Amino acid sequence: MTLISKVLATLTALEFIYIFYLETIATSSSKTAKTFKMPQTSLREPLLKTAMQNQGVYNLGIALLIIGAVFILQSKAALLGLMLYIIFVAAYGSFTVDKSIILKQGGLAILTLISAFF
């Protein structure tokens, strides 16, 4: 795994930690509302707030798996699998929610995947 791949993977993990923060800690903030294009009042609804927080924990898990693949396992195969998963989920979001998700959520993962092949 090259240094560039490690840096890009770390940036991808940091992105998912930020998503965790928005969804789990700052659930009903104006930044979260703007990022997810949802009214703040909706984000304060108990069921949606719980769902967002749950999703945030999944995103933190992805970040920790990336860090583990890069720095603990040092596994290129594990990293490639995670990047493919992230790209798949971003593509799904791009089709179902907003076209820009493929670049916003999947952009760093795509770059990481490409760099890992070199």
PDB file of N, CA and C in Angstrom:
ATOM      1  N   MET A   1       0.854  -1.176   0.000  1.00  0.00           N
ATOM      2  CA  MET A   1       0.000   0.000   0.000  1.00  0.00           C
ATOM      3  C   MET A   1       0.902   1.242   0.000  1.00  0.00           C
ATOM      4  N   THR A   2       0.652   2.143  -0.921  1.00  0.00           N
ATOM      5  CA  THR A   2       1.493   3.338  -1.037  1.00  0.00           C
ATOM      6  C   THR A   2       1.111   4.387   0.007  1.00  0.00           C
ATOM      7  N   LEU A   3       1.995   5.339   0.184  1.00  0.00           N
ATOM      8  CA  LEU A   3       1.726   6.446   1.097  1.00  0.00           C
ATOM      9  C   LEU A   3       0.493   7.228   0.648  1.00  0.00           C
ATOM     10  N   ILE A   4       0.365   7.434  -0.658  1.00  0.00           N
ATOM     11  CA  ILE A   4      -0.801   8.161  -1.185  1.00  0.00           C
ATOM     12  C   ILE A   4      -2.088   7.423  -0.835  1.00  0.00           C
ATOM     13  N   SER A   5      -2.086   6.099  -0.985  1.00  0.00           N
ATOM     14  CA  SER A   5      -3.267   5.301  -0.636  1.00  0.00           C
ATOM     15  C   SER A   5      -3.600   5.437   0.847  1.00  0.00           C
ATOM     16  N   LYS A   6      -2.574   5.413   1.680  1.00  0.00           N
ATOM     17  CA  LYS A   6      -2.789   5.548   3.126  1.00  0.00           C
ATOM     18  C   LYS A   6      -3.364   6.921   3.477  1.00  0.00           C
ATOM     19  N   VAL A   7      -2.835   7.961   2.838  1.00  0.00           N
ATOM     20  CA  VAL A   7      -3.327   9.321   3.100  1.00  0.00           C
ATOM     21  C   VAL A   7      -4.789   9.441   2.643  1.00  0.00           C
ATOM     22  N   LEU A   8      -5.080   8.968   1.436  1.00  0.00           N
ATOM     23  CA  LEU A   8      -6.460   9.043   0.927  1.00  0.00           C
ATOM     24  C   LEU A   8      -7.416   8.209   1.780  1.00  0.00           C
ATOM     25  N   ALA A   9      -6.979   7.039   2.205  1.00  0.00           N
ATOM     26  CA  ALA A   9      -7.809   6.195   3.067  1.00  0.00           C
ATOM     27  C   ALA A   9      -8.068   6.887   4.406  1.00  0.00           C
ATOM     28  N   THR A  10      -7.046   7.526   4.945  1.00  0.00           N
ATOM     29  CA  THR A  10      -7.210   8.250   6.210  1.00  0.00           C
ATOM     30  C   THR A  10      -8.183   9.412   6.037  1.00  0.00           C
ATOM     31  N   LEU A  11      -8.085  10.129   4.930  1.00  0.00           N
ATOM     32  CA  LEU A  11      -9.040  11.215   4.653  1.00  0.00           C
ATOM     33  C   LEU A  11     -10.464  10.670   4.514  1.00  0.00           C
ATOM     34  N   THR A  12     -10.601   9.505   3.892  1.00  0.00           N
ATOM     35  CA  THR A  12     -11.919   8.870   3.776  1.00  0.00           C
ATOM     36  C   THR A  12     -12.455   8.532   5.166  1.00  0.00           C
ATOM     37  N   ALA A  13     -11.598   7.985   6.022  1.00  0.00           N
ATOM     38  CA  ALA A  13     -12.016   7.670   7.392  1.00  0.00           C
ATOM     39  C   ALA A  13     -12.431   8.937   8.136  1.00  0.00           C
ATOM     40  N   LEU A  14     -11.667  10.006   7.967  1.00  0.00           N
ATOM     41  CA  LEU A  14     -12.015  11.278   8.620  1.00  0.00           C
ATOM     42  C   LEU A  14     -13.358  11.813   8.115  1.00  0.00           C
ATOM     43  N   GLU A  15     -13.621  11.637   6.830  1.00  0.00           N
ATOM     44  CA  GLU A  15     -14.917  12.041   6.275  1.00  0.00           C
ATOM     45  C   GLU A  15     -16.049  11.282   6.966  1.00  0.00           C
ATOM     46  N   PHE A  16     -15.866   9.981   7.174  1.00  0.00           N
ATOM     47  CA  PHE A  16     -16.908   9.184   7.818  1.00  0.00           C
ATOM     48  C   PHE A  16     -17.031   9.502   9.309  1.00  0.00           C
ATOM     49  N   ILE A  17     -15.950   9.909   9.935  1.00  0.00           N
ATOM     50  CA  ILE A  17     -16.027  10.379  11.329  1.00  0.00           C
ATOM     51  C   ILE A  17     -16.825  11.677  11.378  1.00  0.00           C
ATOM     52  N   TYR A  18     -16.630  12.543  10.395  1.00  0.00           N
ATOM     53  CA  TYR A  18     -17.394  13.796  10.322  1.00  0.00           C
ATOM     54  C   TYR A  18     -18.882  13.507  10.103  1.00  0.00           C
ATOM     55  N   ILE A  19     -19.184  12.562   9.231  1.00  0.00           N
ATOM     56  CA  ILE A  19     -20.586  12.182   9.019  1.00  0.00           C
ATOM     57  C   ILE A  19     -21.174  11.641  10.323  1.00  0.00           C
ATOM     58  N   PHE A  20     -20.389  10.816  11.038  1.00  0.00           N
ATOM     59  CA  PHE A  20     -20.817  10.329  12.359  1.00  0.00           C
ATOM     60  C   PHE A  20     -21.152  11.498  13.274  1.00  0.00           C
ATOM     61  N   TYR A  21     -20.268  12.488  13.310  1.00  0.00           N
ATOM     62  CA  TYR A  21     -20.493  13.661  14.147  1.00  0.00           C
ATOM     63  C   TYR A  21     -21.812  14.354  13.790  1.00  0.00           C
ATOM     64  N   LEU A  22     -22.014  14.587  12.506  1.00  0.00           N
ATOM     65  CA  LEU A  22     -23.245  15.266  12.072  1.00  0.00           C
ATOM     66  C   LEU A  22     -24.486  14.465  12.441  1.00  0.00           C
ATOM     67  N   GLU A  23     -24.441  13.162  12.207  1.00  0.00           N
ATOM     68  CA  GLU A  23     -25.636  12.342  12.400  1.00  0.00           C
ATOM     69  C   GLU A  23     -25.882  11.960  13.853  1.00  0.00           C
ATOM     70  N   THR A  24     -24.836  11.829  14.643  1.00  0.00           N
ATOM     71  CA  THR A  24     -24.997  11.305  15.996  1.00  0.00           C
ATOM     72  C   THR A  24     -24.865  12.356  17.089  1.00  0.00           C
ATOM     73  N   ILE A  25     -23.973  13.300  16.928  1.00  0.00           N
ATOM     74  CA  ILE A  25     -23.733  14.290  17.970  1.00  0.00           C
ATOM     75  C   ILE A  25     -24.452  15.598  17.674  1.00  0.00           C
ATOM     76  N   ALA A  26     -24.354  16.061  16.436  1.00  0.00           N
ATOM     77  CA  ALA A  26     -24.983  17.338  16.039  1.00  0.00           C
ATOM     78  C   ALA A  26     -26.230  17.063  15.196  1.00  0.00           C
ATOM     79  N   THR A  27     -27.007  16.101  15.631  1.00  0.00           N
ATOM     80  CA  THR A  27     -28.132  15.585  14.842  1.00  0.00           C
ATOM     81  C   THR A  27     -29.074  16.666  14.328  1.00  0.00           C
ATOM     82  N   SER A  28     -29.438  17.602  15.161  1.00  0.00           N
ATOM     83  CA  SER A  28     -30.426  18.599  14.745  1.00  0.00           C
ATOM     84  C   SER A  28     -29.818  19.988  14.525  1.00  0.00           C
ATOM     85  N   SER A  29     -28.520  20.029  14.235  1.00  0.00           N
ATOM     86  CA  SER A  29     -27.858  21.315  14.013  1.00  0.00           C
ATOM     87  C   SER A  29     -28.202  21.880  12.640  1.00  0.00           C
ATOM     88  N   SER A  30     -27.945  23.164  12.475  1.00  0.00           N
ATOM     89  CA  SER A  30     -28.185  23.795  11.175  1.00  0.00           C
ATOM     90  C   SER A  30     -27.240  23.225  10.114  1.00  0.00           C
ATOM     91  N   LYS A  31     -26.028  22.857  10.500  1.00  0.00           N
ATOM     92  CA  LYS A  31     -25.071  22.261   9.557  1.00  0.00           C
ATOM     93  C   LYS A  31     -25.573  20.897   9.070  1.00  0.00           C
ATOM     94  N   THR A  32     -26.104  20.094   9.980  1.00  0.00           N
ATOM     95  CA  THR A  32     -26.652  18.792   9.593  1.00  0.00           C
ATOM     96  C   THR A  32     -27.851  18.983   8.670  1.00  0.00           C
ATOM     97  N   ALA A  33     -28.710  19.921   9.009  1.00  0.00           N
ATOM     98  CA  ALA A  33     -29.883  20.204   8.172  1.00  0.00           C
ATOM     99  C   ALA A  33     -29.456  20.618   6.771  1.00  0.00           C
ATOM    100  N   LYS A  34     -28.457  21.466   6.689  1.00  0.00           N
ATOM    101  CA  LYS A  34     -27.970  21.940   5.386  1.00  0.00           C
ATOM    102  C   LYS A  34     -27.311  20.798   4.609  1.00  0.00           C
ATOM    103  N   THR A  35     -26.487  20.025   5.292  1.00  0.00           N
ATOM    104  CA  THR A  35     -25.764  18.930   4.635  1.00  0.00           C
ATOM    105  C   THR A  35     -26.722  17.902   4.040  1.00  0.00           C
ATOM    106  N   PHE A  36     -27.756  17.559   4.806  1.00  0.00           N
ATOM    107  CA  PHE A  36     -28.687  16.521   4.360  1.00  0.00           C
ATOM    108  C   PHE A  36     -29.953  17.097   3.713  1.00  0.00           C
ATOM    109  N   LYS A  37     -29.962  18.421   3.537  1.00  0.00           N
ATOM    110  CA  LYS A  37     -31.090  19.109   2.900  1.00  0.00           C
ATOM    111  C   LYS A  37     -32.421  18.721   3.544  1.00  0.00           C
ATOM    112  N   MET A  38     -32.443  18.859   4.874  1.00  0.00           N
ATOM    113  CA  MET A  38     -33.639  18.544   5.660  1.00  0.00           C
ATOM    114  C   MET A  38     -33.921  19.703   6.605  1.00  0.00           C
ATOM    115  N   PRO A  39     -35.191  19.949   6.896  1.00  0.00           N
ATOM    116  CA  PRO A  39     -35.499  21.000   7.868  1.00  0.00           C
ATOM    117  C   PRO A  39     -35.029  20.596   9.272  1.00  0.00           C
ATOM    118  N   GLN A  40     -34.506  21.565  10.003  1.00  0.00           N
ATOM    119  CA  GLN A  40     -34.068  21.299  11.376  1.00  0.00           C
ATOM    120  C   GLN A  40     -35.199  20.740  12.228  1.00  0.00           C
ATOM    121  N   THR A  41     -36.401  21.218  11.994  1.00  0.00           N
ATOM    122  CA  THR A  41     -37.534  20.726  12.784  1.00  0.00           C
ATOM    123  C   THR A  41     -37.732  19.225  12.585  1.00  0.00           C
ATOM    124  N   SER A  42     -37.512  18.745  11.373  1.00  0.00           N
ATOM    125  CA  SER A  42     -37.637  17.305  11.114  1.00  0.00           C
ATOM    126  C   SER A  42     -36.559  16.523  11.864  1.00  0.00           C
ATOM    127  N   LEU A  43     -35.361  17.090  11.918  1.00  0.00           N
ATOM    128  CA  LEU A  43     -34.248  16.414  12.585  1.00  0.00           C
ATOM    129  C   LEU A  43     -34.440  16.337  14.096  1.00  0.00           C
ATOM    130  N   ARG A  44     -35.354  17.133  14.629  1.00  0.00           N
ATOM    131  CA  ARG A  44     -35.644  17.101  16.071  1.00  0.00           C
ATOM    132  C   ARG A  44     -36.696  16.052  16.421  1.00  0.00           C
ATOM    133  N   GLU A  45     -37.380  15.498  15.412  1.00  0.00           N
ATOM    134  CA  GLU A  45     -38.397  14.475  15.668  1.00  0.00           C
ATOM    135  C   GLU A  45     -37.710  13.230  16.231  1.00  0.00           C
ATOM    136  N   PRO A  46     -38.233  12.696  17.346  1.00  0.00           N
ATOM    137  CA  PRO A  46     -37.552  11.587  18.035  1.00  0.00           C
ATOM    138  C   PRO A  46     -37.215  10.378  17.144  1.00  0.00           C
ATOM    139  N   LEU A  47     -38.139   9.937  16.308  1.00  0.00           N
ATOM    140  CA  LEU A  47     -37.864   8.758  15.476  1.00  0.00           C
ATOM    141  C   LEU A  47     -36.776   9.033  14.443  1.00  0.00           C
ATOM    142  N   LEU A  48     -36.840  10.178  13.801  1.00  0.00           N
ATOM    143  CA  LEU A  48     -35.815  10.519  12.805  1.00  0.00           C
ATOM    144  C   LEU A  48     -34.471  10.751  13.481  1.00  0.00           C
ATOM    145  N   LYS A  49     -34.494  11.401  14.631  1.00  0.00           N
ATOM    146  CA  LYS A  49     -33.253  11.650  15.369  1.00  0.00           C
ATOM    147  C   LYS A  49     -32.574  10.326  15.737  1.00  0.00           C
ATOM    148  N   THR A  50     -33.358   9.368  16.202  1.00  0.00           N
ATOM    149  CA  THR A  50     -32.813   8.062  16.555  1.00  0.00           C
ATOM    150  C   THR A  50     -32.266   7.348  15.324  1.00  0.00           C
ATOM    151  N   ALA A  51     -32.999   7.426  14.217  1.00  0.00           N
ATOM    152  CA  ALA A  51     -32.538   6.790  12.976  1.00  0.00           C
ATOM    153  C   ALA A  51     -31.230   7.422  12.495  1.00  0.00           C
ATOM    154  N   MET A  52     -31.142   8.744  12.556  1.00  0.00           N
ATOM    155  CA  MET A  52     -29.916   9.437  12.148  1.00  0.00           C
ATOM    156  C   MET A  52     -28.746   9.022  13.049  1.00  0.00           C
ATOM    157  N   GLN A  53     -28.983   8.969  14.346  1.00  0.00           N
ATOM    158  CA  GLN A  53     -27.917   8.600  15.274  1.00  0.00           C
ATOM    159  C   GLN A  53     -27.453   7.166  15.026  1.00  0.00           C
ATOM    160  N   ASN A  54     -28.395   6.278  14.729  1.00  0.00           N
ATOM    161  CA  ASN A  54     -28.051   4.894  14.419  1.00  0.00           C
ATOM    162  C   ASN A  54     -27.180   4.837  13.158  1.00  0.00           C
ATOM    163  N   GLN A  55     -27.569   5.578  12.142  1.00  0.00           N
ATOM    164  CA  GLN A  55     -26.796   5.619  10.901  1.00  0.00           C
ATOM    165  C   GLN A  55     -25.404   6.188  11.152  1.00  0.00           C
ATOM    166  N   GLY A  56     -25.318   7.163  12.033  1.00  0.00           N
ATOM    167  CA  GLY A  56     -24.022   7.744  12.372  1.00  0.00           C
ATOM    168  C   GLY A  56     -23.071   6.727  12.970  1.00  0.00           C
ATOM    169  N   VAL A  57     -23.601   5.835  13.805  1.00  0.00           N
ATOM    170  CA  VAL A  57     -22.768   4.795  14.410  1.00  0.00           C
ATOM    171  C   VAL A  57     -22.231   3.859  13.321  1.00  0.00           C
ATOM    172  N   TYR A  58     -23.048   3.545  12.325  1.00  0.00           N
ATOM    173  CA  TYR A  58     -22.566   2.731  11.197  1.00  0.00           C
ATOM    174  C   TYR A  58     -21.418   3.441  10.482  1.00  0.00           C
ATOM    175  N   ASN A  59     -21.549   4.744  10.286  1.00  0.00           N
ATOM    176  CA  ASN A  59     -20.491   5.497   9.611  1.00  0.00           C
ATOM    177  C   ASN A  59     -19.206   5.516  10.431  1.00  0.00           C
ATOM    178  N   LEU A  60     -19.329   5.609  11.746  1.00  0.00           N
ATOM    179  CA  LEU A  60     -18.142   5.526  12.601  1.00  0.00           C
ATOM    180  C   LEU A  60     -17.502   4.153  12.467  1.00  0.00           C
ATOM    181  N   GLY A  61     -18.327   3.118  12.391  1.00  0.00           N
ATOM    182  CA  GLY A  61     -17.805   1.764  12.203  1.00  0.00           C
ATOM    183  C   GLY A  61     -17.007   1.635  10.917  1.00  0.00           C
ATOM    184  N   ILE A  62     -17.510   2.228   9.847  1.00  0.00           N
ATOM    185  CA  ILE A  62     -16.782   2.202   8.577  1.00  0.00           C
ATOM    186  C   ILE A  62     -15.432   2.902   8.732  1.00  0.00           C
ATOM    187  N   ALA A  63     -15.424   4.041   9.393  1.00  0.00           N
ATOM    188  CA  ALA A  63     -14.171   4.771   9.619  1.00  0.00           C
ATOM    189  C   ALA A  63     -13.169   3.917  10.392  1.00  0.00           C
ATOM    190  N   LEU A  64     -13.640   3.259  11.437  1.00  0.00           N
ATOM    191  CA  LEU A  64     -12.745   2.418  12.240  1.00  0.00           C
ATOM    192  C   LEU A  64     -12.235   1.220  11.448  1.00  0.00           C
ATOM    193  N   LEU A  65     -13.082   0.657  10.600  1.00  0.00           N
ATOM    194  CA  LEU A  65     -12.643  -0.455   9.748  1.00  0.00           C
ATOM    195  C   LEU A  65     -11.561  -0.004   8.759  1.00  0.00           C
ATOM    196  N   ILE A  66     -11.735   1.195   8.198  1.00  0.00           N
ATOM    197  CA  ILE A  66     -10.715   1.725   7.280  1.00  0.00           C
ATOM    198  C   ILE A  66      -9.383   1.895   8.019  1.00  0.00           C
ATOM    199  N   ILE A  67      -9.432   2.498   9.190  1.00  0.00           N
ATOM    200  CA  ILE A  67      -8.217   2.702   9.986  1.00  0.00           C
ATOM    201  C   ILE A  67      -7.570   1.360  10.323  1.00  0.00           C
ATOM    202  N   GLY A  68      -8.408   0.390  10.687  1.00  0.00           N
ATOM    203  CA  GLY A  68      -7.890  -0.948  10.991  1.00  0.00           C
ATOM    204  C   GLY A  68      -7.249  -1.615   9.786  1.00  0.00           C
ATOM    205  N   ALA A  69      -7.890  -1.486   8.621  1.00  0.00           N
ATOM    206  CA  ALA A  69      -7.351  -2.100   7.400  1.00  0.00           C
ATOM    207  C   ALA A  69      -6.004  -1.493   7.021  1.00  0.00           C
ATOM    208  N   VAL A  70      -5.883  -0.179   7.205  1.00  0.00           N
ATOM    209  CA  VAL A  70      -4.663   0.513   6.782  1.00  0.00           C
ATOM    210  C   VAL A  70      -3.535   0.367   7.799  1.00  0.00           C
ATOM    211  N   PHE A  71      -3.838   0.591   9.071  1.00  0.00           N
ATOM    212  CA  PHE A  71      -2.760   0.708  10.059  1.00  0.00           C
ATOM    213  C   PHE A  71      -2.562  -0.530  10.943  1.00  0.00           C
ATOM    214  N   ILE A  72      -3.577  -1.362  11.090  1.00  0.00           N
ATOM    215  CA  ILE A  72      -3.423  -2.544  11.944  1.00  0.00           C
ATOM    216  C   ILE A  72      -3.183  -3.781  11.079  1.00  0.00           C
ATOM    217  N   LEU A  73      -4.131  -4.075  10.206  1.00  0.00           N
ATOM    218  CA  LEU A  73      -3.984  -5.234   9.322  1.00  0.00           C
ATOM    219  C   LEU A  73      -2.997  -4.979   8.187  1.00  0.00           C
ATOM    220  N   GLN A  74      -2.897  -3.711   7.793  1.00  0.00           N
ATOM    221  CA  GLN A  74      -2.102  -3.316   6.637  1.00  0.00           C
ATOM    222  C   GLN A  74      -2.473  -4.172   5.427  1.00  0.00           C
ATOM    223  N   SER A  75      -3.783  -4.289   5.226  1.00  0.00           N
ATOM    224  CA  SER A  75      -4.331  -5.158   4.193  1.00  0.00           C
ATOM    225  C   SER A  75      -4.901  -4.357   3.030  1.00  0.00           C
ATOM    226  N   LYS A  76      -4.250  -4.485   1.901  1.00  0.00           N
ATOM    227  CA  LYS A  76      -4.737  -3.829   0.692  1.00  0.00           C
ATOM    228  C   LYS A  76      -6.091  -4.426   0.287  1.00  0.00           C
ATOM    229  N   ALA A  77      -6.252  -5.737   0.429  1.00  0.00           N
ATOM    230  CA  ALA A  77      -7.509  -6.394   0.059  1.00  0.00           C
ATOM    231  C   ALA A  77      -8.669  -5.884   0.913  1.00  0.00           C
ATOM    232  N   ALA A  78      -8.449  -5.737   2.221  1.00  0.00           N
ATOM    233  CA  ALA A  78      -9.501  -5.224   3.109  1.00  0.00           C
ATOM    234  C   ALA A  78      -9.848  -3.789   2.736  1.00  0.00           C
ATOM    235  N   LEU A  79      -8.826  -2.997   2.447  1.00  0.00           N
ATOM    236  CA  LEU A  79      -9.063  -1.607   2.063  1.00  0.00           C
ATOM    237  C   LEU A  79      -9.856  -1.535   0.759  1.00  0.00           C
ATOM    238  N   LEU A  80      -9.491  -2.338  -0.221  1.00  0.00           N
ATOM    239  CA  LEU A  80     -10.211  -2.348  -1.492  1.00  0.00           C
ATOM    240  C   LEU A  80     -11.672  -2.744  -1.291  1.00  0.00           C
ATOM    241  N   GLY A  81     -11.913  -3.729  -0.457  1.00  0.00           N
ATOM    242  CA  GLY A  81     -13.286  -4.146  -0.171  1.00  0.00           C
ATOM    243  C   GLY A  81     -14.100  -3.035   0.463  1.00  0.00           C
ATOM    244  N   LEU A  82     -13.514  -2.339   1.406  1.00  0.00           N
ATOM    245  CA  LEU A  82     -14.209  -1.221   2.055  1.00  0.00           C
ATOM    246  C   LEU A  82     -14.485  -0.085   1.077  1.00  0.00           C
ATOM    247  N   MET A  83     -13.515   0.235   0.237  1.00  0.00           N
ATOM    248  CA  MET A  83     -13.713   1.317  -0.739  1.00  0.00           C
ATOM    249  C   MET A  83     -14.808   0.944  -1.742  1.00  0.00           C
ATOM    250  N   LEU A  84     -14.833  -0.316  -2.176  1.00  0.00           N
ATOM    251  CA  LEU A  84     -15.887  -0.762  -3.092  1.00  0.00           C
ATOM    252  C   LEU A  84     -17.259  -0.668  -2.426  1.00  0.00           C
ATOM    253  N   TYR A  85     -17.324  -1.037  -1.154  1.00  0.00           N
ATOM    254  CA  TYR A  85     -18.579  -0.933  -0.411  1.00  0.00           C
ATOM    255  C   TYR A  85     -19.042   0.520  -0.321  1.00  0.00           C
ATOM    256  N   ILE A  86     -18.123   1.423   0.021  1.00  0.00           N
ATOM    257  CA  ILE A  86     -18.455   2.849   0.132  1.00  0.00           C
ATOM    258  C   ILE A  86     -18.943   3.388  -1.211  1.00  0.00           C
ATOM    259  N   ILE A  87     -18.261   3.021  -2.280  1.00  0.00           N
ATOM    260  CA  ILE A  87     -18.657   3.478  -3.618  1.00  0.00           C
ATOM    261  C   ILE A  87     -20.033   2.930  -3.981  1.00  0.00           C
ATOM    262  N   PHE A  88     -20.298   1.676  -3.655  1.00  0.00           N
ATOM    263  CA  PHE A  88     -21.618   1.078  -3.909  1.00  0.00           C
ATOM    264  C   PHE A  88     -22.717   1.838  -3.169  1.00  0.00           C
ATOM    265  N   VAL A  89     -22.492   2.115  -1.888  1.00  0.00           N
ATOM    266  CA  VAL A  89     -23.490   2.834  -1.090  1.00  0.00           C
ATOM    267  C   VAL A  89     -23.674   4.262  -1.619  1.00  0.00           C
ATOM    268  N   ALA A  90     -22.583   4.911  -2.000  1.00  0.00           N
ATOM    269  CA  ALA A  90     -22.672   6.261  -2.564  1.00  0.00           C
ATOM    270  C   ALA A  90     -23.423   6.247  -3.889  1.00  0.00           C
ATOM    271  N   ALA A  91     -23.200   5.229  -4.703  1.00  0.00           N
ATOM    272  CA  ALA A  91     -23.922   5.112  -5.977  1.00  0.00           C
ATOM    273  C   ALA A  91     -25.412   4.899  -5.723  1.00  0.00           C
ATOM    274  N   TYR A  92     -25.732   4.072  -4.753  1.00  0.00           N
ATOM    275  CA  TYR A  92     -27.130   3.847  -4.399  1.00  0.00           C
ATOM    276  C   TYR A  92     -27.782   5.160  -3.953  1.00  0.00           C
ATOM    277  N   GLY A  93     -27.100   5.901  -3.094  1.00  0.00           N
ATOM    278  CA  GLY A  93     -27.603   7.196  -2.646  1.00  0.00           C
ATOM    279  C   GLY A  93     -27.731   8.179  -3.789  1.00  0.00           C
ATOM    280  N   SER A  94     -26.845   8.080  -4.731  1.00  0.00           N
ATOM    281  CA  SER A  94     -26.883   8.958  -5.899  1.00  0.00           C
ATOM    282  C   SER A  94     -28.122   8.693  -6.753  1.00  0.00           C
ATOM    283  N   PHE A  95     -28.515   7.434  -6.838  1.00  0.00           N
ATOM    284  CA  PHE A  95     -29.709   7.076  -7.607  1.00  0.00           C
ATOM    285  C   PHE A  95     -31.003   7.357  -6.848  1.00  0.00           C
ATOM    286  N   THR A  96     -30.975   7.198  -5.527  1.00  0.00           N
ATOM    287  CA  THR A  96     -32.211   7.287  -4.751  1.00  0.00           C
ATOM    288  C   THR A  96     -32.451   8.628  -4.073  1.00  0.00           C
ATOM    289  N   VAL A  97     -31.389   9.405  -3.815  1.00  0.00           N
ATOM    290  CA  VAL A  97     -31.550  10.644  -3.055  1.00  0.00           C
ATOM    291  C   VAL A  97     -31.096  11.870  -3.842  1.00  0.00           C
ATOM    292  N   ASP A  98     -29.807  11.913  -4.176  1.00  0.00           N
ATOM    293  CA  ASP A  98     -29.234  13.093  -4.829  1.00  0.00           C
ATOM    294  C   ASP A  98     -28.009  12.664  -5.626  1.00  0.00           C
ATOM    295  N   LYS A  99     -27.956  13.055  -6.878  1.00  0.00           N
ATOM    296  CA  LYS A  99     -26.859  12.652  -7.763  1.00  0.00           C
ATOM    297  C   LYS A  99     -25.480  13.027  -7.214  1.00  0.00           C
ATOM    298  N   SER A 100     -25.393  14.100  -6.450  1.00  0.00           N
ATOM    299  CA  SER A 100     -24.096  14.570  -5.966  1.00  0.00           C
ATOM    300  C   SER A 100     -23.488  13.657  -4.902  1.00  0.00           C
ATOM    301  N   ILE A 101     -24.261  12.739  -4.355  1.00  0.00           N
ATOM    302  CA  ILE A 101     -23.743  11.863  -3.295  1.00  0.00           C
ATOM    303  C   ILE A 101     -22.575  11.025  -3.791  1.00  0.00           C
ATOM    304  N   ILE A 102     -22.601  10.618  -5.055  1.00  0.00           N
ATOM    305  CA  ILE A 102     -21.511   9.788  -5.574  1.00  0.00           C
ATOM    306  C   ILE A 102     -20.164  10.487  -5.416  1.00  0.00           C
ATOM    307  N   LEU A 103     -20.135  11.790  -5.578  1.00  0.00           N
ATOM    308  CA  LEU A 103     -18.871  12.512  -5.400  1.00  0.00           C
ATOM    309  C   LEU A 103     -18.654  12.948  -3.961  1.00  0.00           C
ATOM    310  N   LYS A 104     -19.725  13.378  -3.294  1.00  0.00           N
ATOM    311  CA  LYS A 104     -19.571  13.845  -1.908  1.00  0.00           C
ATOM    312  C   LYS A 104     -19.157  12.710  -0.976  1.00  0.00           C
ATOM    313  N   GLN A 105     -19.842  11.591  -1.043  1.00  0.00           N
ATOM    314  CA  GLN A 105     -19.563  10.477  -0.139  1.00  0.00           C
ATOM    315  C   GLN A 105     -18.597   9.477  -0.759  1.00  0.00           C
ATOM    316  N   GLY A 106     -18.599   9.381  -2.076  1.00  0.00           N
ATOM    317  CA  GLY A 106     -17.775   8.374  -2.720  1.00  0.00           C
ATOM    318  C   GLY A 106     -16.500   8.880  -3.359  1.00  0.00           C
ATOM    319  N   GLY A 107     -16.330  10.199  -3.454  1.00  0.00           N
ATOM    320  CA  GLY A 107     -15.181  10.766  -4.152  1.00  0.00           C
ATOM    321  C   GLY A 107     -13.838  10.324  -3.609  1.00  0.00           C
ATOM    322  N   LEU A 108     -13.647  10.465  -2.312  1.00  0.00           N
ATOM    323  CA  LEU A 108     -12.367  10.051  -1.713  1.00  0.00           C
ATOM    324  C   LEU A 108     -12.177   8.545  -1.813  1.00  0.00           C
ATOM    325  N   ALA A 109     -13.263   7.790  -1.682  1.00  0.00           N
ATOM    326  CA  ALA A 109     -13.163   6.338  -1.807  1.00  0.00           C
ATOM    327  C   ALA A 109     -12.748   5.946  -3.227  1.00  0.00           C
ATOM    328  N   ILE A 110     -13.285   6.645  -4.227  1.00  0.00           N
ATOM    329  CA  ILE A 110     -12.900   6.368  -5.613  1.00  0.00           C
ATOM    330  C   ILE A 110     -11.410   6.657  -5.808  1.00  0.00           C
ATOM    331  N   LEU A 111     -10.956   7.794  -5.305  1.00  0.00           N
ATOM    332  CA  LEU A 111      -9.524   8.125  -5.413  1.00  0.00           C
ATOM    333  C   LEU A 111      -8.654   7.118  -4.678  1.00  0.00           C
ATOM    334  N   THR A 112      -9.107   6.691  -3.507  1.00  0.00           N
ATOM    335  CA  THR A 112      -8.358   5.683  -2.731  1.00  0.00           C
ATOM    336  C   THR A 112      -8.272   4.383  -3.502  1.00  0.00           C
ATOM    337  N   LEU A 113      -9.386   3.962  -4.083  1.00  0.00           N
ATOM    338  CA  LEU A 113      -9.430   2.724  -4.856  1.00  0.00           C
ATOM    339  C   LEU A 113      -8.466   2.794  -6.039  1.00  0.00           C
ATOM    340  N   ILE A 114      -8.494   3.892  -6.759  1.00  0.00           N
ATOM    341  CA  ILE A 114      -7.604   4.065  -7.908  1.00  0.00           C
ATOM    342  C   ILE A 114      -6.136   4.033  -7.462  1.00  0.00           C
ATOM    343  N   SER A 115      -5.834   4.772  -6.390  1.00  0.00           N
ATOM    344  CA  SER A 115      -4.438   4.840  -5.938  1.00  0.00           C
ATOM    345  C   SER A 115      -3.942   3.489  -5.439  1.00  0.00           C
ATOM    346  N   ALA A 116      -4.821   2.667  -4.916  1.00  0.00           N
ATOM    347  CA  ALA A 116      -4.416   1.367  -4.379  1.00  0.00           C
ATOM    348  C   ALA A 116      -3.978   0.405  -5.485  1.00  0.00           C
ATOM    349  N   PHE A 117      -4.383   0.673  -6.708  1.00  0.00           N
ATOM    350  CA  PHE A 117      -3.985  -0.187  -7.826  1.00  0.00           C
ATOM    351  C   PHE A 117      -2.579   0.133  -8.335  1.00  0.00           C
ATOM    352  N   PHE A 118      -1.996   1.222  -7.874  1.00  0.00           N
ATOM    353  CA  PHE A 118      -0.665   1.616  -8.351  1.00  0.00           C
ATOM    354  C   PHE A 118       0.389   1.490  -7.287  1.00  0.00           C
TER     355      PHE A 118
END
